[in-house]
Amino acid sequence: LYVELENLGPLSLKGEKALEVSSQCSVFAEAEITTLMAEKKPIADICAGLNLSVANRLISMLYRVGVESQVIIAGGVSKNVGVVKMIEDKLGMPLASSTVDPQLLGAVGAAIFAGRLLEKRKK
């Protein structure tokens, strides 16, 4: 796509139609994207389709564990405004936010867990 990662989300929001990128395998998804590019499809629409594919996969996993009240997204994908907006649209609610950098949430959680485990072992 020749799009910098930090531009993928904003560009996808400019798309008029999210083009289908159905494969969960990155190799096959790349082939689908290459085909769309060869067909001269708008890059913004391809980006929207790619982000929609990621959002749909995350929504599928989310429904397996259940949605109770609030949802927060962690990791690098949380910095993709296109994926975040698509998830919010599908859930019909805004995602919760954190004061911690979303890319660090997993590490912070692991550190808290390790600290609690250490305290238990000291007793």
N, C-alpha and C. Protein backbone atom coordinates (compact mmCIF):
# COMPACT_ATOMS: atom_id res chain seq x y z
N LEU A 1 0.82 -1.19 0.00
CA LEU A 1 0.00 0.00 0.00
C LEU A 1 0.86 1.26 0.00
N TYR A 2 2.10 1.13 0.42
CA TYR A 2 3.01 2.27 0.50
C TYR A 2 2.45 3.36 1.40
N VAL A 3 1.87 2.93 2.53
CA VAL A 3 1.28 3.84 3.51
C VAL A 3 2.00 3.60 4.83
N GLU A 4 2.48 4.67 5.45
CA GLU A 4 3.11 4.54 6.76
C GLU A 4 2.06 4.05 7.77
N LEU A 5 2.49 3.23 8.70
CA LEU A 5 1.57 2.63 9.67
C LEU A 5 0.74 3.68 10.40
N GLU A 6 1.38 4.78 10.80
CA GLU A 6 0.63 5.81 11.54
C GLU A 6 -0.41 6.53 10.68
N ASN A 7 -0.31 6.38 9.35
CA ASN A 7 -1.28 7.01 8.44
C ASN A 7 -2.40 6.06 8.03
N LEU A 8 -2.27 4.79 8.34
CA LEU A 8 -3.26 3.80 7.92
C LEU A 8 -4.65 4.10 8.47
N GLY A 9 -4.73 4.40 9.75
CA GLY A 9 -6.02 4.70 10.38
C GLY A 9 -6.69 5.94 9.80
N PRO A 10 -5.99 7.09 9.83
CA PRO A 10 -6.61 8.31 9.28
C PRO A 10 -7.00 8.16 7.81
N LEU A 11 -6.17 7.49 7.02
CA LEU A 11 -6.48 7.30 5.60
C LEU A 11 -7.71 6.43 5.43
N SER A 12 -7.84 5.40 6.27
CA SER A 12 -9.00 4.50 6.16
C SER A 12 -10.31 5.23 6.43
N LEU A 13 -10.26 6.26 7.27
CA LEU A 13 -11.47 7.03 7.59
C LEU A 13 -11.93 7.88 6.40
N LYS A 14 -11.03 8.08 5.44
CA LYS A 14 -11.38 8.85 4.24
C LYS A 14 -11.98 7.96 3.15
N GLY A 15 -11.93 6.65 3.36
CA GLY A 15 -12.46 5.71 2.37
C GLY A 15 -13.97 5.84 2.24
N GLU A 16 -14.45 5.66 1.02
CA GLU A 16 -15.89 5.71 0.77
C GLU A 16 -16.54 4.35 0.98
N LYS A 17 -15.77 3.28 0.71
CA LYS A 17 -16.30 1.93 0.83
C LYS A 17 -15.16 1.01 1.29
N ALA A 18 -15.38 0.31 2.39
CA ALA A 18 -14.38 -0.64 2.87
C ALA A 18 -14.39 -1.86 1.96
N LEU A 19 -13.32 -2.04 1.21
CA LEU A 19 -13.23 -3.18 0.30
C LEU A 19 -12.90 -4.44 1.09
N GLU A 20 -13.46 -5.55 0.66
CA GLU A 20 -13.33 -6.80 1.41
C GLU A 20 -11.90 -7.33 1.38
N VAL A 21 -11.37 -7.55 2.56
CA VAL A 21 -10.11 -8.27 2.77
C VAL A 21 -10.47 -9.36 3.77
N SER A 22 -10.81 -10.52 3.24
CA SER A 22 -11.44 -11.55 4.08
C SER A 22 -10.47 -12.51 4.74
N SER A 23 -9.28 -12.63 4.22
CA SER A 23 -8.37 -13.64 4.75
C SER A 23 -7.81 -13.25 6.11
N GLN A 24 -7.75 -14.23 7.02
CA GLN A 24 -7.11 -14.01 8.31
C GLN A 24 -5.62 -14.31 8.23
N CYS A 25 -5.21 -14.96 7.18
CA CYS A 25 -3.80 -15.26 6.96
C CYS A 25 -3.15 -14.04 6.30
N SER A 26 -2.07 -13.55 6.88
CA SER A 26 -1.45 -12.33 6.36
C SER A 26 -0.93 -12.50 4.94
N VAL A 27 -0.47 -13.69 4.58
CA VAL A 27 0.02 -13.93 3.22
C VAL A 27 -1.13 -13.82 2.22
N PHE A 28 -2.26 -14.45 2.54
CA PHE A 28 -3.42 -14.38 1.64
C PHE A 28 -4.02 -12.98 1.62
N ALA A 29 -4.04 -12.31 2.77
CA ALA A 29 -4.55 -10.93 2.83
C ALA A 29 -3.68 -10.03 1.96
N GLU A 30 -2.38 -10.24 2.01
CA GLU A 30 -1.48 -9.45 1.17
C GLU A 30 -1.79 -9.68 -0.31
N ALA A 31 -2.08 -10.92 -0.68
CA ALA A 31 -2.44 -11.22 -2.07
C ALA A 31 -3.74 -10.52 -2.45
N GLU A 32 -4.71 -10.51 -1.54
CA GLU A 32 -5.98 -9.81 -1.81
C GLU A 32 -5.73 -8.31 -2.01
N ILE A 33 -4.90 -7.73 -1.16
CA ILE A 33 -4.60 -6.31 -1.25
C ILE A 33 -3.85 -6.00 -2.55
N THR A 34 -2.91 -6.86 -2.91
CA THR A 34 -2.18 -6.67 -4.17
C THR A 34 -3.14 -6.70 -5.35
N THR A 35 -4.11 -7.60 -5.32
CA THR A 35 -5.12 -7.67 -6.39
C THR A 35 -5.94 -6.39 -6.44
N LEU A 36 -6.37 -5.90 -5.28
CA LEU A 36 -7.15 -4.66 -5.24
C LEU A 36 -6.33 -3.48 -5.78
N MET A 37 -5.05 -3.45 -5.46
CA MET A 37 -4.19 -2.38 -5.97
C MET A 37 -4.04 -2.49 -7.49
N ALA A 38 -3.89 -3.73 -7.98
CA ALA A 38 -3.77 -3.95 -9.43
C ALA A 38 -5.04 -3.53 -10.16
N GLU A 39 -6.17 -3.65 -9.47
CA GLU A 39 -7.46 -3.23 -10.04
C GLU A 39 -7.68 -1.72 -9.90
N LYS A 40 -6.65 -1.02 -9.39
CA LYS A 40 -6.69 0.45 -9.23
C LYS A 40 -7.80 0.92 -8.28
N LYS A 41 -8.10 0.10 -7.28
CA LYS A 41 -9.08 0.49 -6.27
C LYS A 41 -8.46 1.61 -5.41
N PRO A 42 -9.27 2.53 -4.90
CA PRO A 42 -8.73 3.62 -4.08
C PRO A 42 -8.01 3.09 -2.84
N ILE A 43 -6.83 3.63 -2.59
CA ILE A 43 -6.02 3.20 -1.45
C ILE A 43 -6.79 3.39 -0.13
N ALA A 44 -7.53 4.49 -0.01
CA ALA A 44 -8.30 4.72 1.22
C ALA A 44 -9.33 3.62 1.43
N ASP A 45 -9.94 3.14 0.36
CA ASP A 45 -10.93 2.06 0.46
C ASP A 45 -10.27 0.73 0.83
N ILE A 46 -9.06 0.52 0.32
CA ILE A 46 -8.31 -0.70 0.67
C ILE A 46 -7.92 -0.64 2.16
N CYS A 47 -7.45 0.53 2.60
CA CYS A 47 -7.09 0.70 4.02
C CYS A 47 -8.32 0.48 4.90
N ALA A 48 -9.46 1.00 4.48
CA ALA A 48 -10.70 0.81 5.25
C ALA A 48 -11.05 -0.67 5.32
N GLY A 49 -10.89 -1.39 4.22
CA GLY A 49 -11.17 -2.82 4.21
C GLY A 49 -10.23 -3.60 5.11
N LEU A 50 -8.97 -3.23 5.09
CA LEU A 50 -7.98 -3.88 5.95
C LEU A 50 -8.31 -3.64 7.42
N ASN A 51 -8.62 -2.40 7.75
CA ASN A 51 -8.98 -2.08 9.14
C ASN A 51 -10.28 -2.75 9.55
N LEU A 52 -11.24 -2.83 8.64
CA LEU A 52 -12.50 -3.51 8.95
C LEU A 52 -12.26 -4.99 9.23
N SER A 53 -11.35 -5.59 8.48
CA SER A 53 -11.01 -6.99 8.69
C SER A 53 -10.43 -7.19 10.10
N VAL A 54 -9.53 -6.30 10.51
CA VAL A 54 -8.94 -6.38 11.85
C VAL A 54 -10.03 -6.15 12.91
N ALA A 55 -10.86 -5.13 12.69
CA ALA A 55 -11.93 -4.82 13.65
C ALA A 55 -12.89 -6.00 13.80
N ASN A 56 -13.27 -6.61 12.68
CA ASN A 56 -14.18 -7.75 12.74
C ASN A 56 -13.58 -8.92 13.51
N ARG A 57 -12.30 -9.15 13.32
CA ARG A 57 -11.61 -10.23 14.04
C ARG A 57 -11.61 -9.94 15.54
N LEU A 58 -11.32 -8.70 15.91
CA LEU A 58 -11.31 -8.33 17.33
C LEU A 58 -12.71 -8.41 17.94
N ILE A 59 -13.72 -7.97 17.19
CA ILE A 59 -15.11 -8.04 17.66
C ILE A 59 -15.50 -9.50 17.89
N SER A 60 -15.10 -10.38 16.98
CA SER A 60 -15.40 -11.80 17.12
C SER A 60 -14.81 -12.35 18.42
N MET A 61 -13.56 -12.01 18.70
CA MET A 61 -12.92 -12.47 19.94
C MET A 61 -13.61 -11.85 21.16
N LEU A 62 -14.01 -10.60 21.03
CA LEU A 62 -14.67 -9.91 22.13
C LEU A 62 -15.99 -10.57 22.48
N TYR A 63 -16.76 -10.94 21.48
CA TYR A 63 -18.04 -11.59 21.74
C TYR A 63 -17.88 -12.97 22.38
N ARG A 64 -16.74 -13.61 22.12
CA ARG A 64 -16.48 -14.91 22.76
C ARG A 64 -16.30 -14.77 24.27
N VAL A 65 -15.65 -13.68 24.70
CA VAL A 65 -15.44 -13.49 26.13
C VAL A 65 -16.58 -12.71 26.77
N GLY A 66 -17.32 -11.98 25.97
CA GLY A 66 -18.48 -11.25 26.47
C GLY A 66 -18.21 -9.78 26.72
N VAL A 67 -19.22 -8.98 26.47
CA VAL A 67 -19.16 -7.54 26.71
C VAL A 67 -20.13 -7.24 27.83
N GLU A 68 -19.63 -6.70 28.92
CA GLU A 68 -20.50 -6.40 30.05
C GLU A 68 -20.86 -4.92 30.10
N SER A 69 -19.88 -4.06 30.24
CA SER A 69 -20.21 -2.64 30.31
C SER A 69 -19.23 -1.80 29.50
N GLN A 70 -17.96 -1.87 29.82
CA GLN A 70 -16.97 -1.09 29.10
C GLN A 70 -15.96 -2.00 28.44
N VAL A 71 -15.41 -1.50 27.35
CA VAL A 71 -14.39 -2.23 26.61
C VAL A 71 -13.22 -1.28 26.40
N ILE A 72 -12.02 -1.79 26.64
CA ILE A 72 -10.82 -1.02 26.36
C ILE A 72 -9.97 -1.84 25.41
N ILE A 73 -9.31 -1.19 24.50
CA ILE A 73 -8.45 -1.89 23.56
C ILE A 73 -7.00 -1.54 23.91
N ALA A 74 -6.16 -2.56 23.93
CA ALA A 74 -4.76 -2.38 24.30
C ALA A 74 -3.87 -2.83 23.16
N GLY A 75 -2.63 -2.45 23.22
CA GLY A 75 -1.67 -2.84 22.21
C GLY A 75 -1.58 -1.81 21.09
N GLY A 76 -0.72 -2.08 20.17
CA GLY A 76 -0.46 -1.14 19.08
C GLY A 76 -1.67 -0.82 18.23
N VAL A 77 -2.55 -1.80 18.03
CA VAL A 77 -3.72 -1.58 17.18
C VAL A 77 -4.63 -0.50 17.76
N SER A 78 -4.53 -0.26 19.06
CA SER A 78 -5.36 0.78 19.69
C SER A 78 -4.98 2.17 19.22
N LYS A 79 -3.82 2.31 18.59
CA LYS A 79 -3.39 3.60 18.07
C LYS A 79 -3.87 3.82 16.64
N ASN A 80 -4.56 2.82 16.08
CA ASN A 80 -5.11 2.94 14.73
C ASN A 80 -6.54 3.47 14.85
N VAL A 81 -6.71 4.76 14.56
CA VAL A 81 -8.03 5.40 14.74
C VAL A 81 -9.10 4.77 13.86
N GLY A 82 -8.70 4.20 12.74
CA GLY A 82 -9.67 3.54 11.86
C GLY A 82 -10.24 2.29 12.49
N VAL A 83 -9.39 1.45 13.05
CA VAL A 83 -9.85 0.22 13.71
C VAL A 83 -10.69 0.58 14.93
N VAL A 84 -10.23 1.54 15.72
CA VAL A 84 -10.97 1.95 16.92
C VAL A 84 -12.37 2.43 16.55
N LYS A 85 -12.47 3.29 15.53
CA LYS A 85 -13.78 3.81 15.12
C LYS A 85 -14.68 2.69 14.63
N MET A 86 -14.14 1.76 13.87
CA MET A 86 -14.96 0.64 13.37
C MET A 86 -15.47 -0.24 14.51
N ILE A 87 -14.63 -0.47 15.52
CA ILE A 87 -15.07 -1.25 16.68
C ILE A 87 -16.16 -0.49 17.43
N GLU A 88 -15.94 0.79 17.65
CA GLU A 88 -16.94 1.60 18.35
C GLU A 88 -18.27 1.60 17.60
N ASP A 89 -18.20 1.73 16.27
CA ASP A 89 -19.43 1.73 15.47
C ASP A 89 -20.16 0.40 15.59
N LYS A 90 -19.41 -0.71 15.55
CA LYS A 90 -20.04 -2.03 15.63
C LYS A 90 -20.61 -2.31 17.02
N LEU A 91 -19.93 -1.84 18.06
CA LEU A 91 -20.41 -2.04 19.43
C LEU A 91 -21.52 -1.06 19.79
N GLY A 92 -21.55 0.06 19.09
CA GLY A 92 -22.53 1.09 19.41
C GLY A 92 -22.21 1.84 20.68
N MET A 93 -20.93 1.87 21.03
CA MET A 93 -20.50 2.60 22.23
C MET A 93 -19.02 2.96 22.10
N PRO A 94 -18.61 4.02 22.79
CA PRO A 94 -17.19 4.38 22.73
C PRO A 94 -16.35 3.41 23.54
N LEU A 95 -15.12 3.22 23.11
CA LEU A 95 -14.19 2.40 23.88
C LEU A 95 -13.68 3.21 25.06
N ALA A 96 -13.43 2.55 26.16
CA ALA A 96 -12.86 3.22 27.34
C ALA A 96 -11.42 3.60 27.04
N SER A 97 -10.93 4.59 27.74
CA SER A 97 -9.54 5.01 27.54
C SER A 97 -8.78 4.84 28.85
N SER A 98 -7.48 4.93 28.74
CA SER A 98 -6.60 4.76 29.89
C SER A 98 -5.59 5.89 29.91
N THR A 99 -5.10 6.22 31.09
CA THR A 99 -4.03 7.21 31.18
C THR A 99 -2.68 6.59 30.82
N VAL A 100 -2.64 5.27 30.78
CA VAL A 100 -1.43 4.54 30.42
C VAL A 100 -1.40 4.37 28.90
N ASP A 101 -0.22 4.51 28.31
CA ASP A 101 -0.05 4.28 26.88
C ASP A 101 -0.60 2.89 26.56
N PRO A 102 -1.54 2.78 25.61
CA PRO A 102 -2.17 1.48 25.32
C PRO A 102 -1.18 0.39 24.91
N GLN A 103 -0.04 0.79 24.37
CA GLN A 103 0.96 -0.21 24.00
C GLN A 103 1.64 -0.80 25.23
N LEU A 104 1.50 -0.13 26.36
CA LEU A 104 2.16 -0.59 27.59
C LEU A 104 1.21 -1.27 28.56
N LEU A 105 -0.09 -1.28 28.26
CA LEU A 105 -1.07 -1.84 29.20
C LEU A 105 -0.77 -3.28 29.58
N GLY A 106 -0.40 -4.10 28.62
CA GLY A 106 -0.08 -5.50 28.91
C GLY A 106 1.11 -5.62 29.85
N ALA A 107 2.13 -4.80 29.62
CA ALA A 107 3.32 -4.82 30.47
C ALA A 107 2.99 -4.32 31.87
N VAL A 108 2.16 -3.28 31.96
CA VAL A 108 1.76 -2.76 33.27
C VAL A 108 0.97 -3.83 34.03
N GLY A 109 0.05 -4.48 33.35
CA GLY A 109 -0.72 -5.55 33.98
C GLY A 109 0.17 -6.68 34.46
N ALA A 110 1.15 -7.06 33.65
CA ALA A 110 2.07 -8.12 34.04
C ALA A 110 2.90 -7.71 35.25
N ALA A 111 3.32 -6.44 35.30
CA ALA A 111 4.10 -5.95 36.44
C ALA A 111 3.26 -5.96 37.72
N ILE A 112 2.01 -5.55 37.62
CA ILE A 112 1.12 -5.57 38.79
C ILE A 112 0.92 -7.01 39.27
N PHE A 113 0.67 -7.91 38.33
CA PHE A 113 0.48 -9.33 38.67
C PHE A 113 1.73 -9.88 39.34
N ALA A 114 2.91 -9.58 38.79
CA ALA A 114 4.17 -10.07 39.36
C ALA A 114 4.38 -9.50 40.76
N GLY A 115 4.05 -8.23 40.95
CA GLY A 115 4.19 -7.61 42.27
C GLY A 115 3.30 -8.29 43.30
N ARG A 116 2.08 -8.59 42.93
CA ARG A 116 1.15 -9.27 43.85
C ARG A 116 1.63 -10.68 44.16
N LEU A 117 2.14 -11.36 43.15
CA LEU A 117 2.67 -12.71 43.34
C LEU A 117 3.86 -12.68 44.29
N LEU A 118 4.73 -11.71 44.13
CA LEU A 118 5.90 -11.56 45.00
C LEU A 118 5.46 -11.31 46.44
N GLU A 119 4.46 -10.46 46.62
CA GLU A 119 3.96 -10.18 47.97
C GLU A 119 3.40 -11.44 48.62
N LYS A 120 2.70 -12.27 47.86
CA LYS A 120 2.16 -13.53 48.39
C LYS A 120 3.28 -14.46 48.83
N ARG A 121 4.34 -14.51 48.05
CA ARG A 121 5.46 -15.41 48.37
C ARG A 121 6.23 -14.95 49.60
N LYS A 122 6.22 -13.64 49.85
CA LYS A 122 6.92 -13.11 51.02
C LYS A 122 6.21 -13.47 52.31
N LYS A 123 4.92 -13.73 52.24
CA LYS A 123 4.12 -14.01 53.46
C LYS A 123 4.28 -15.41 53.93
